Amino acid sequence: MSQRRVDQLDANLLRVLHTLLTERSVTRTAMKLGQSQPAVSNMLKRLRDITGDAILVRGKNGMTPTERGNALLVLARQGLTTLESIASPPPAFVAASSQRVFHLGAPDYLSVLLIPRVMEKVRELAPQAGLVVHALSAGFDYAAALESGELDCVIGNWPDAPQHLHIAQLSEDEIVCMVNRRHPVVSKGLSLRHYLDMPHLAPTPYMMGHRSIIDSTLAEQGLKRRIQMTIPYFGMVPYVLAKTDLIFTTSRSFALQCAKDWPIEILPVPLAMPCMQFFMLWHERVHAAAEVQWFRRLIAEAAGEVFSGAGQSR
């Protein structure tokens, strides 16, 4: 069939075709569709021109479909079903029976606290669903991954984010210092001079060109700490601090978690610092998707349970 003939088809003609072939009568078709008999006769003529077939022919007991007409009945039924599916709203998302695999991008520092709670809630509320956590690194373009659908959402602590992405603040947390409990500074007290002179342990940046809120705050005051060692995994922090005289600056929630099982002392940062803020980002392509809306609510609830504070979304 030529493109011109295809362009002549529309939902109304398809509905008339289906009704003609089921009713096998122009009169009954007109009554059922609330149209005049001449209008239906005219549309039958158009359908014959488009298909190149008589579709309905006179028989002993009235109109009867041609062989091509019988095949068209199946196609018309399928076409109407497809159109109805396109025009209907998507089915409601049912977490308990969903088998969707969710993809979340997150830096390593959330692996100790938030990610386990997210996984726990997914297992509890959507036991058949899957969850893949993608590690963020300096070479990973999370914005492109959100746009392509590789990721459903991303969690991080960016001071700013691309304007084309949706963003919601999940929580904020006080910044503190972690040292070995036997470190002399525990009894002497941590002054700003000590803090700047001490050898620091720091995480490997997970974004190209990203400067942490800690170093940004110091730079604003013309100060710089002495980062002597870096590690790619936050899970290594308590192991390193237990064996060295290094100091690690991080969120209070993470420090408290480590101090439960390790000889770690938590000290206040000796200068005013803003709280560390945690955000969730997602792309417009999944903004209205019911399953991803559910997943974002789950993450926000998990963050509220793990961290203190609440945020605003744009």
C-alpha atoms as a PDB file:
ATOM      1  CA  MET A   1       0.000   0.000   0.000  1.00  0.00           C
ATOM      2  CA  SER A   2       1.300   3.416  -0.950  1.00  0.00           C
ATOM      3  CA  GLN A   3       2.032   6.043   1.700  1.00  0.00           C
ATOM      4  CA  ARG A   4      -0.803   8.170   0.302  1.00  0.00           C
ATOM      5  CA  ARG A   5      -3.304   5.389   1.024  1.00  0.00           C
ATOM      6  CA  VAL A   6      -1.922   4.851   4.510  1.00  0.00           C
ATOM      7  CA  ASP A   7      -2.290   8.571   5.218  1.00  0.00           C
ATOM      8  CA  GLN A   8      -5.984   8.363   4.301  1.00  0.00           C
ATOM      9  CA  LEU A   9      -6.674   5.952   7.173  1.00  0.00           C
ATOM     10  CA  ASP A  10      -7.721   7.333  10.527  1.00  0.00           C
ATOM     11  CA  ALA A  11      -9.327   6.044  13.725  1.00  0.00           C
ATOM     12  CA  ASN A  12     -12.837   6.840  12.499  1.00  0.00           C
ATOM     13  CA  LEU A  13     -12.399   4.892   9.258  1.00  0.00           C
ATOM     14  CA  LEU A  14     -10.876   2.001  11.185  1.00  0.00           C
ATOM     15  CA  ARG A  15     -13.864   1.940  13.526  1.00  0.00           C
ATOM     16  CA  VAL A  16     -16.285   2.024  10.593  1.00  0.00           C
ATOM     17  CA  LEU A  17     -14.388  -0.832   8.912  1.00  0.00           C
ATOM     18  CA  HIS A  18     -14.520  -2.944  12.061  1.00  0.00           C
ATOM     19  CA  THR A  19     -18.240  -2.282  12.597  1.00  0.00           C
ATOM     20  CA  LEU A  20     -19.134  -2.957   8.952  1.00  0.00           C
ATOM     21  CA  LEU A  21     -17.382  -6.309   9.054  1.00  0.00           C
ATOM     22  CA  THR A  22     -18.970  -7.343  12.361  1.00  0.00           C
ATOM     23  CA  GLU A  23     -22.470  -6.065  11.588  1.00  0.00           C
ATOM     24  CA  ARG A  24     -22.331  -6.887   7.863  1.00  0.00           C
ATOM     25  CA  SER A  25     -24.803  -4.082   7.217  1.00  0.00           C
ATOM     26  CA  VAL A  26     -24.454  -0.434   6.298  1.00  0.00           C
ATOM     27  CA  THR A  27     -27.743   0.355   8.039  1.00  0.00           C
ATOM     28  CA  ARG A  28     -26.861  -1.349  11.322  1.00  0.00           C
ATOM     29  CA  THR A  29     -23.374   0.182  11.227  1.00  0.00           C
ATOM     30  CA  ALA A  30     -24.854   3.666  10.812  1.00  0.00           C
ATOM     31  CA  MET A  31     -27.241   3.083  13.741  1.00  0.00           C
ATOM     32  CA  LYS A  32     -24.531   1.672  15.990  1.00  0.00           C
ATOM     33  CA  LEU A  33     -22.095   4.492  15.293  1.00  0.00           C
ATOM     34  CA  GLY A  34     -24.746   7.237  15.337  1.00  0.00           C
ATOM     35  CA  GLN A  35     -24.051   8.299  11.764  1.00  0.00           C
ATOM     36  CA  SER A  36     -26.204   8.624   8.668  1.00  0.00           C
ATOM     37  CA  GLN A  37     -26.480   5.751   6.215  1.00  0.00           C
ATOM     38  CA  PRO A  38     -25.143   7.847   3.304  1.00  0.00           C
ATOM     39  CA  ALA A  39     -22.110   8.809   5.400  1.00  0.00           C
ATOM     40  CA  VAL A  40     -21.334   5.161   6.148  1.00  0.00           C
ATOM     41  CA  SER A  41     -21.870   4.216   2.502  1.00  0.00           C
ATOM     42  CA  ASN A  42     -19.429   6.923   1.500  1.00  0.00           C
ATOM     43  CA  MET A  43     -16.842   5.678   4.003  1.00  0.00           C
ATOM     44  CA  LEU A  44     -17.260   2.117   2.712  1.00  0.00           C
ATOM     45  CA  LYS A  45     -16.484   3.442  -0.755  1.00  0.00           C
ATOM     46  CA  ARG A  46     -13.365   5.187   0.599  1.00  0.00           C
ATOM     47  CA  LEU A  47     -12.284   1.968   2.344  1.00  0.00           C
ATOM     48  CA  ARG A  48     -12.716   0.051  -0.910  1.00  0.00           C
ATOM     49  CA  ASP A  49     -10.536   2.601  -2.702  1.00  0.00           C
ATOM     50  CA  ILE A  50      -7.866   2.448  -0.027  1.00  0.00           C
ATOM     51  CA  THR A  51      -7.744  -1.366   0.244  1.00  0.00           C
ATOM     52  CA  GLY A  52      -8.433  -2.164  -3.397  1.00  0.00           C
ATOM     53  CA  ASP A  53     -11.019  -4.710  -2.288  1.00  0.00           C
ATOM     54  CA  ALA A  54     -14.829  -4.805  -2.150  1.00  0.00           C
ATOM     55  CA  ILE A  55     -14.640  -5.764   1.581  1.00  0.00           C
ATOM     56  CA  LEU A  56     -18.390  -6.584   1.701  1.00  0.00           C
ATOM     57  CA  VAL A  57     -20.410  -8.113  -1.126  1.00  0.00           C
ATOM     58  CA  ARG A  58     -24.051  -9.074  -1.428  1.00  0.00           C
ATOM     59  CA  GLY A  59     -24.936 -12.658  -0.623  1.00  0.00           C
ATOM     60  CA  LYS A  60     -28.068 -14.774  -0.264  1.00  0.00           C
ATOM     61  CA  ASN A  61     -28.609 -13.648   3.335  1.00  0.00           C
ATOM     62  CA  GLY A  62     -27.362 -10.075   3.014  1.00  0.00           C
ATOM     63  CA  MET A  63     -23.859  -8.668   2.967  1.00  0.00           C
ATOM     64  CA  THR A  64     -20.928 -11.036   3.437  1.00  0.00           C
ATOM     65  CA  PRO A  65     -17.185 -10.278   3.834  1.00  0.00           C
ATOM     66  CA  THR A  66     -14.786 -11.054   1.061  1.00  0.00           C
ATOM     67  CA  GLU A  67     -11.771 -13.172   1.842  1.00  0.00           C
ATOM     68  CA  ARG A  68      -9.756  -9.989   2.164  1.00  0.00           C
ATOM     69  CA  GLY A  69     -12.545  -8.543   4.337  1.00  0.00           C
ATOM     70  CA  ASN A  70     -12.187 -11.383   6.851  1.00  0.00           C
ATOM     71  CA  ALA A  71      -8.458 -10.660   7.101  1.00  0.00           C
ATOM     72  CA  LEU A  72      -9.176  -6.939   7.488  1.00  0.00           C
ATOM     73  CA  LEU A  73     -11.522  -7.632  10.413  1.00  0.00           C
ATOM     74  CA  VAL A  74      -8.624  -9.091  12.405  1.00  0.00           C
ATOM     75  CA  LEU A  75      -6.358  -6.187  11.476  1.00  0.00           C
ATOM     76  CA  ALA A  76      -9.032  -3.590  12.302  1.00  0.00           C
ATOM     77  CA  ARG A  77      -9.601  -5.167  15.719  1.00  0.00           C
ATOM     78  CA  GLN A  78      -5.848  -5.111  16.388  1.00  0.00           C
ATOM     79  CA  GLY A  79      -5.577  -1.512  15.176  1.00  0.00           C
ATOM     80  CA  LEU A  80      -8.394  -0.293  17.419  1.00  0.00           C
ATOM     81  CA  THR A  81      -6.888  -2.111  20.394  1.00  0.00           C
ATOM     82  CA  THR A  82      -3.532  -0.428  19.694  1.00  0.00           C
ATOM     83  CA  LEU A  83      -5.140   3.006  19.435  1.00  0.00           C
ATOM     84  CA  GLU A  84      -7.023   2.468  22.694  1.00  0.00           C
ATOM     85  CA  SER A  85      -3.780   1.438  24.411  1.00  0.00           C
ATOM     86  CA  ILE A  86      -2.028   4.580  23.165  1.00  0.00           C
ATOM     87  CA  ALA A  87      -4.876   6.814  24.343  1.00  0.00           C
ATOM     88  CA  SER A  88      -5.292   5.105  27.720  1.00  0.00           C
ATOM     89  CA  PRO A  89      -3.260   6.080  30.797  1.00  0.00           C
ATOM     90  CA  PRO A  90      -0.497   3.648  31.762  1.00  0.00           C
ATOM     91  CA  PRO A  91      -1.479   0.888  34.179  1.00  0.00           C
ATOM     92  CA  ALA A  92      -1.073   1.645  37.848  1.00  0.00           C
ATOM     93  CA  PHE A  93       2.304   0.675  39.288  1.00  0.00           C
ATOM     94  CA  VAL A  94       2.009  -2.174  41.783  1.00  0.00           C
ATOM     95  CA  ALA A  95       5.265  -2.456  43.713  1.00  0.00           C
ATOM     96  CA  ALA A  96       4.433  -5.821  45.283  1.00  0.00           C
ATOM     97  CA  SER A  97       4.280  -7.557  41.880  1.00  0.00           C
ATOM     98  CA  SER A  98       6.678  -5.388  39.840  1.00  0.00           C
ATOM     99  CA  GLN A  99       9.688  -7.057  38.247  1.00  0.00           C
ATOM    100  CA  ARG A 100      11.256  -3.801  37.112  1.00  0.00           C
ATOM    101  CA  VAL A 101      14.991  -3.375  37.585  1.00  0.00           C
ATOM    102  CA  PHE A 102      15.834   0.055  39.026  1.00  0.00           C
ATOM    103  CA  HIS A 103      19.197   1.697  38.371  1.00  0.00           C
ATOM    104  CA  LEU A 104      20.636   4.064  40.973  1.00  0.00           C
ATOM    105  CA  GLY A 105      23.876   6.015  40.727  1.00  0.00           C
ATOM    106  CA  ALA A 106      25.553   6.778  44.057  1.00  0.00           C
ATOM    107  CA  PRO A 107      29.017   7.620  45.400  1.00  0.00           C
ATOM    108  CA  ASP A 108      30.764   5.147  47.654  1.00  0.00           C
ATOM    109  CA  TYR A 109      30.252   7.127  50.866  1.00  0.00           C
ATOM    110  CA  LEU A 110      26.556   6.232  50.854  1.00  0.00           C
ATOM    111  CA  SER A 111      27.273   2.482  50.814  1.00  0.00           C
ATOM    112  CA  VAL A 112      27.535   2.268  54.591  1.00  0.00           C
ATOM    113  CA  LEU A 113      24.306   4.053  55.489  1.00  0.00           C
ATOM    114  CA  LEU A 114      21.719   4.892  52.856  1.00  0.00           C
ATOM    115  CA  ILE A 115      22.139   2.203  50.187  1.00  0.00           C
ATOM    116  CA  PRO A 116      21.546  -0.751  52.558  1.00  0.00           C
ATOM    117  CA  ARG A 117      18.355   0.927  53.806  1.00  0.00           C
ATOM    118  CA  VAL A 118      17.160   1.513  50.224  1.00  0.00           C
ATOM    119  CA  MET A 119      17.803  -2.135  49.397  1.00  0.00           C
ATOM    120  CA  GLU A 120      15.991  -3.236  52.537  1.00  0.00           C
ATOM    121  CA  LYS A 121      12.915  -1.214  51.600  1.00  0.00           C
ATOM    122  CA  VAL A 122      12.918  -2.484  47.997  1.00  0.00           C
ATOM    123  CA  ARG A 123      13.064  -6.081  49.246  1.00  0.00           C
ATOM    124  CA  GLU A 124      10.267  -5.379  51.690  1.00  0.00           C
ATOM    125  CA  LEU A 125       7.905  -3.509  49.345  1.00  0.00           C
ATOM    126  CA  ALA A 126       8.824  -4.902  45.901  1.00  0.00           C
ATOM    127  CA  PRO A 127      10.326  -8.363  46.500  1.00  0.00           C
ATOM    128  CA  GLN A 128      10.342  -9.280  42.791  1.00  0.00           C
ATOM    129  CA  ALA A 129      11.992  -6.039  41.656  1.00  0.00           C
ATOM    130  CA  GLY A 130      15.705  -5.642  41.057  1.00  0.00           C
ATOM    131  CA  LEU A 131      18.100  -2.856  42.006  1.00  0.00           C
ATOM    132  CA  VAL A 132      21.474  -2.146  40.421  1.00  0.00           C
ATOM    133  CA  VAL A 133      23.661   0.430  42.153  1.00  0.00           C
ATOM    134  CA  HIS A 134      26.173   2.092  39.836  1.00  0.00           C
ATOM    135  CA  ALA A 135      29.281   3.603  41.395  1.00  0.00           C
ATOM    136  CA  LEU A 136      29.976   7.212  40.471  1.00  0.00           C
ATOM    137  CA  SER A 137      33.522   8.001  39.437  1.00  0.00           C
ATOM    138  CA  ALA A 138      35.413  10.870  37.871  1.00  0.00           C
ATOM    139  CA  GLY A 139      35.048   9.338  34.402  1.00  0.00           C
ATOM    140  CA  PHE A 140      31.319   8.593  34.640  1.00  0.00           C
ATOM    141  CA  ASP A 141      28.935  11.035  32.938  1.00  0.00           C
ATOM    142  CA  TYR A 142      25.925  10.704  35.226  1.00  0.00           C
ATOM    143  CA  ALA A 143      23.921  13.389  33.371  1.00  0.00           C
ATOM    144  CA  ALA A 144      24.217  11.466  30.098  1.00  0.00           C
ATOM    145  CA  ALA A 145      23.345   8.223  31.899  1.00  0.00           C
ATOM    146  CA  LEU A 146      20.164   9.812  33.279  1.00  0.00           C
ATOM    147  CA  GLU A 147      19.192  11.097  29.837  1.00  0.00           C
ATOM    148  CA  SER A 148      19.801   7.757  28.102  1.00  0.00           C
ATOM    149  CA  GLY A 149      17.927   5.739  30.723  1.00  0.00           C
ATOM    150  CA  GLU A 150      21.027   3.928  31.974  1.00  0.00           C
ATOM    151  CA  LEU A 151      20.191   5.424  35.373  1.00  0.00           C
ATOM    152  CA  ASP A 152      16.798   6.207  36.908  1.00  0.00           C
ATOM    153  CA  CYS A 153      18.219   8.638  39.463  1.00  0.00           C
ATOM    154  CA  VAL A 154      21.462   9.674  41.117  1.00  0.00           C
ATOM    155  CA  ILE A 155      22.347  10.586  44.695  1.00  0.00           C
ATOM    156  CA  GLY A 156      25.230  12.876  45.587  1.00  0.00           C
ATOM    157  CA  ASN A 157      26.261  16.042  47.412  1.00  0.00           C
ATOM    158  CA  TRP A 158      26.851  18.483  44.554  1.00  0.00           C
ATOM    159  CA  PRO A 159      26.985  22.164  45.443  1.00  0.00           C
ATOM    160  CA  ASP A 160      25.239  22.710  42.110  1.00  0.00           C
ATOM    161  CA  ALA A 161      23.765  20.502  39.388  1.00  0.00           C
ATOM    162  CA  PRO A 162      22.827  20.808  35.688  1.00  0.00           C
ATOM    163  CA  GLN A 163      19.741  23.014  35.370  1.00  0.00           C
ATOM    164  CA  HIS A 164      17.957  20.611  33.005  1.00  0.00           C
ATOM    165  CA  LEU A 165      17.780  17.937  35.714  1.00  0.00           C
ATOM    166  CA  HIS A 166      15.217  17.715  38.486  1.00  0.00           C
ATOM    167  CA  ILE A 167      16.726  17.925  41.953  1.00  0.00           C
ATOM    168  CA  ALA A 168      15.437  17.194  45.444  1.00  0.00           C
ATOM    169  CA  GLN A 169      17.334  17.663  48.666  1.00  0.00           C
ATOM    170  CA  LEU A 170      17.270  14.468  50.697  1.00  0.00           C
ATOM    171  CA  SER A 171      18.982  15.585  53.898  1.00  0.00           C
ATOM    172  CA  GLU A 172      21.838  17.521  55.413  1.00  0.00           C
ATOM    173  CA  ASP A 173      24.424  16.493  57.957  1.00  0.00           C
ATOM    174  CA  GLU A 174      26.999  18.189  60.148  1.00  0.00           C
ATOM    175  CA  ILE A 175      30.653  17.916  59.116  1.00  0.00           C
ATOM    176  CA  VAL A 176      33.012  16.425  61.719  1.00  0.00           C
ATOM    177  CA  CYS A 177      36.507  14.948  61.994  1.00  0.00           C
ATOM    178  CA  MET A 178      37.484  11.334  62.621  1.00  0.00           C
ATOM    179  CA  VAL A 179      40.809  10.244  64.166  1.00  0.00           C
ATOM    180  CA  ASN A 180      42.252   7.225  65.906  1.00  0.00           C
ATOM    181  CA  ARG A 181      41.077   7.248  69.533  1.00  0.00           C
ATOM    182  CA  ARG A 182      44.711   7.089  70.685  1.00  0.00           C
ATOM    183  CA  HIS A 183      45.746  10.138  68.639  1.00  0.00           C
ATOM    184  CA  PRO A 184      47.340  12.865  70.855  1.00  0.00           C
ATOM    185  CA  VAL A 185      44.982  15.487  69.453  1.00  0.00           C
ATOM    186  CA  VAL A 186      42.085  13.768  71.250  1.00  0.00           C
ATOM    187  CA  SER A 187      43.409  14.888  74.637  1.00  0.00           C
ATOM    188  CA  LYS A 188      45.066  18.110  73.489  1.00  0.00           C
ATOM    189  CA  GLY A 189      42.123  19.408  71.491  1.00  0.00           C
ATOM    190  CA  LEU A 190      41.923  20.110  67.768  1.00  0.00           C
ATOM    191  CA  SER A 191      42.846  23.682  66.876  1.00  0.00           C
ATOM    192  CA  LEU A 192      42.640  25.140  63.406  1.00  0.00           C
ATOM    193  CA  ARG A 193      46.446  25.145  63.187  1.00  0.00           C
ATOM    194  CA  HIS A 194      46.553  21.454  64.147  1.00  0.00           C
ATOM    195  CA  TYR A 195      43.824  20.683  61.632  1.00  0.00           C
ATOM    196  CA  LEU A 196      45.685  22.344  58.763  1.00  0.00           C
ATOM    197  CA  ASP A 197      49.072  20.859  59.678  1.00  0.00           C
ATOM    198  CA  MET A 198      47.911  17.279  60.272  1.00  0.00           C
ATOM    199  CA  PRO A 199      48.150  14.704  57.443  1.00  0.00           C
ATOM    200  CA  HIS A 200      44.674  14.208  56.001  1.00  0.00           C
ATOM    201  CA  LEU A 201      42.995  11.178  54.518  1.00  0.00           C
ATOM    202  CA  ALA A 202      40.500  12.124  51.789  1.00  0.00           C
ATOM    203  CA  PRO A 203      38.236  10.290  49.331  1.00  0.00           C
ATOM    204  CA  THR A 204      39.126  10.155  45.658  1.00  0.00           C
ATOM    205  CA  PRO A 205      36.894  12.689  43.850  1.00  0.00           C
ATOM    206  CA  TYR A 206      33.977  10.958  42.144  1.00  0.00           C
ATOM    207  CA  MET A 207      33.377  13.840  39.729  1.00  0.00           C
ATOM    208  CA  MET A 208      35.863  15.398  37.321  1.00  0.00           C
ATOM    209  CA  GLY A 209      36.887  18.804  38.630  1.00  0.00           C
ATOM    210  CA  HIS A 210      34.729  18.424  41.725  1.00  0.00           C
ATOM    211  CA  ARG A 211      35.960  20.154  44.889  1.00  0.00           C
ATOM    212  CA  SER A 212      34.459  19.011  48.165  1.00  0.00           C
ATOM    213  CA  ILE A 213      32.524  21.394  50.377  1.00  0.00           C
ATOM    214  CA  ILE A 214      35.356  21.032  52.892  1.00  0.00           C
ATOM    215  CA  ASP A 215      38.074  22.274  50.553  1.00  0.00           C
ATOM    216  CA  SER A 216      35.773  24.912  49.059  1.00  0.00           C
ATOM    217  CA  THR A 217      35.077  26.359  52.510  1.00  0.00           C
ATOM    218  CA  LEU A 218      38.778  26.376  53.393  1.00  0.00           C
ATOM    219  CA  ALA A 219      39.659  28.021  50.062  1.00  0.00           C
ATOM    220  CA  GLU A 220      37.133  30.799  50.675  1.00  0.00           C
ATOM    221  CA  GLN A 221      39.159  31.719  53.774  1.00  0.00           C
ATOM    222  CA  GLY A 222      42.499  31.371  52.025  1.00  0.00           C
ATOM    223  CA  LEU A 223      43.253  28.076  53.776  1.00  0.00           C
ATOM    224  CA  LYS A 224      44.254  24.637  52.565  1.00  0.00           C
ATOM    225  CA  ARG A 225      44.543  21.320  54.365  1.00  0.00           C
ATOM    226  CA  ARG A 226      47.360  18.828  53.779  1.00  0.00           C
ATOM    227  CA  ILE A 227      45.853  15.851  51.998  1.00  0.00           C
ATOM    228  CA  GLN A 228      48.506  13.174  52.199  1.00  0.00           C
ATOM    229  CA  MET A 229      46.550  10.047  51.238  1.00  0.00           C
ATOM    230  CA  THR A 230      43.393   9.362  49.230  1.00  0.00           C
ATOM    231  CA  ILE A 231      41.225   6.256  48.992  1.00  0.00           C
ATOM    232  CA  PRO A 232      38.490   5.259  46.533  1.00  0.00           C
ATOM    233  CA  TYR A 233      36.290   3.430  49.057  1.00  0.00           C
ATOM    234  CA  PHE A 234      34.754   4.822  52.234  1.00  0.00           C
ATOM    235  CA  GLY A 235      34.606   1.343  53.677  1.00  0.00           C
ATOM    236  CA  MET A 236      38.405   1.510  54.032  1.00  0.00           C
ATOM    237  CA  VAL A 237      38.340   4.630  56.234  1.00  0.00           C
ATOM    238  CA  PRO A 238      38.044   2.995  59.682  1.00  0.00           C
ATOM    239  CA  TYR A 239      40.689   0.428  58.750  1.00  0.00           C
ATOM    240  CA  VAL A 240      43.135   3.181  57.779  1.00  0.00           C
ATOM    241  CA  LEU A 241      42.406   5.403  60.789  1.00  0.00           C
ATOM    242  CA  ALA A 242      42.843   2.450  63.137  1.00  0.00           C
ATOM    243  CA  LYS A 243      46.404   1.999  61.826  1.00  0.00           C
ATOM    244  CA  THR A 244      47.580   5.592  61.236  1.00  0.00           C
ATOM    245  CA  ASP A 245      47.677   9.128  62.596  1.00  0.00           C
ATOM    246  CA  LEU A 246      45.633  10.493  59.673  1.00  0.00           C
ATOM    247  CA  ILE A 247      42.538  12.669  60.120  1.00  0.00           C
ATOM    248  CA  PHE A 248      39.394  12.255  58.035  1.00  0.00           C
ATOM    249  CA  THR A 249      36.688  14.920  57.589  1.00  0.00           C
ATOM    250  CA  THR A 250      33.215  13.677  56.776  1.00  0.00           C
ATOM    251  CA  SER A 251      29.529  13.681  57.759  1.00  0.00           C
ATOM    252  CA  ARG A 252      28.518  12.988  61.356  1.00  0.00           C
ATOM    253  CA  SER A 253      26.279  10.096  60.307  1.00  0.00           C
ATOM    254  CA  PHE A 254      29.169   8.259  58.676  1.00  0.00           C
ATOM    255  CA  ALA A 255      31.494   9.001  61.603  1.00  0.00           C
ATOM    256  CA  LEU A 256      28.973   7.707  64.149  1.00  0.00           C
ATOM    257  CA  GLN A 257      28.512   4.509  62.187  1.00  0.00           C
ATOM    258  CA  CYS A 258      32.266   3.869  62.128  1.00  0.00           C
ATOM    259  CA  ALA A 259      32.748   4.754  65.801  1.00  0.00           C
ATOM    260  CA  LYS A 260      30.341   1.996  66.830  1.00  0.00           C
ATOM    261  CA  ASP A 261      32.787  -0.759  65.901  1.00  0.00           C
ATOM    262  CA  TRP A 262      36.173   0.932  65.632  1.00  0.00           C
ATOM    263  CA  PRO A 263      38.551   2.845  67.932  1.00  0.00           C
ATOM    264  CA  ILE A 264      37.452   6.124  66.356  1.00  0.00           C
ATOM    265  CA  GLU A 265      37.065   9.498  68.077  1.00  0.00           C
ATOM    266  CA  ILE A 266      34.757  12.111  66.593  1.00  0.00           C
ATOM    267  CA  LEU A 267      35.938  15.719  66.903  1.00  0.00           C
ATOM    268  CA  PRO A 268      34.338  18.996  65.817  1.00  0.00           C
ATOM    269  CA  VAL A 269      35.866  20.780  62.829  1.00  0.00           C
ATOM    270  CA  PRO A 270      37.792  23.796  64.249  1.00  0.00           C
ATOM    271  CA  LEU A 271      36.140  26.316  61.914  1.00  0.00           C
ATOM    272  CA  ALA A 272      32.600  27.071  60.817  1.00  0.00           C
ATOM    273  CA  MET A 273      31.486  24.882  57.939  1.00  0.00           C
ATOM    274  CA  PRO A 274      28.139  24.544  56.210  1.00  0.00           C
ATOM    275  CA  CYS A 275      26.315  21.247  56.526  1.00  0.00           C
ATOM    276  CA  MET A 276      26.953  18.527  53.984  1.00  0.00           C
ATOM    277  CA  GLN A 277      23.839  18.291  51.817  1.00  0.00           C
ATOM    278  CA  PHE A 278      22.627  15.220  49.975  1.00  0.00           C
ATOM    279  CA  PHE A 279      20.582  15.496  46.777  1.00  0.00           C
ATOM    280  CA  MET A 280      18.733  13.239  44.377  1.00  0.00           C
ATOM    281  CA  LEU A 281      18.757  14.022  40.642  1.00  0.00           C
ATOM    282  CA  TRP A 282      16.640  12.650  37.802  1.00  0.00           C
ATOM    283  CA  HIS A 283      15.828  13.475  34.184  1.00  0.00           C
ATOM    284  CA  GLU A 284      12.555  14.778  32.746  1.00  0.00           C
ATOM    285  CA  ARG A 285      12.194  11.531  30.742  1.00  0.00           C
ATOM    286  CA  VAL A 286      11.226   9.642  33.931  1.00  0.00           C
ATOM    287  CA  HIS A 287       9.708  12.545  35.870  1.00  0.00           C
ATOM    288  CA  ALA A 288       6.139  11.297  35.320  1.00  0.00           C
ATOM    289  CA  ALA A 289       6.903   7.550  35.223  1.00  0.00           C
ATOM    290  CA  ALA A 290       4.890   5.950  38.047  1.00  0.00           C
ATOM    291  CA  GLU A 291       7.488   3.297  38.844  1.00  0.00           C
ATOM    292  CA  VAL A 292      10.334   5.812  39.091  1.00  0.00           C
ATOM    293  CA  GLN A 293       8.161   8.185  41.151  1.00  0.00           C
ATOM    294  CA  TRP A 294       7.659   5.292  43.576  1.00  0.00           C
ATOM    295  CA  PHE A 295      11.408   4.604  43.639  1.00  0.00           C
ATOM    296  CA  ARG A 296      12.207   8.269  44.341  1.00  0.00           C
ATOM    297  CA  ARG A 297       9.702   8.325  47.216  1.00  0.00           C
ATOM    298  CA  LEU A 298      11.308   5.193  48.612  1.00  0.00           C
ATOM    299  CA  ILE A 299      14.779   6.777  48.485  1.00  0.00           C
ATOM    300  CA  ALA A 300      13.486   9.960  50.140  1.00  0.00           C
ATOM    301  CA  GLU A 301      11.854   7.924  52.918  1.00  0.00           C
ATOM    302  CA  ALA A 302      15.026   5.898  53.421  1.00  0.00           C
ATOM    303  CA  ALA A 303      17.087   9.091  53.620  1.00  0.00           C
ATOM    304  CA  GLY A 304      14.674  10.538  56.161  1.00  0.00           C
ATOM    305  CA  GLU A 305      15.152   7.426  58.293  1.00  0.00           C
ATOM    306  CA  VAL A 306      18.949   7.417  58.003  1.00  0.00           C
ATOM    307  CA  PHE A 307      19.747  11.113  58.096  1.00  0.00           C
ATOM    308  CA  SER A 308      18.199  14.083  59.832  1.00  0.00           C
ATOM    309  CA  GLY A 309      16.457  16.989  58.090  1.00  0.00           C
ATOM    310  CA  ALA A 310      14.345  17.279  54.989  1.00  0.00           C
ATOM    311  CA  GLY A 311      14.790  19.121  51.695  1.00  0.00           C
ATOM    312  CA  GLN A 312      12.921  20.888  48.974  1.00  0.00           C
ATOM    313  CA  SER A 313      12.547  19.870  45.336  1.00  0.00           C
ATOM    314  CA  ARG A 314      12.364  21.890  42.181  1.00  0.00           C
END
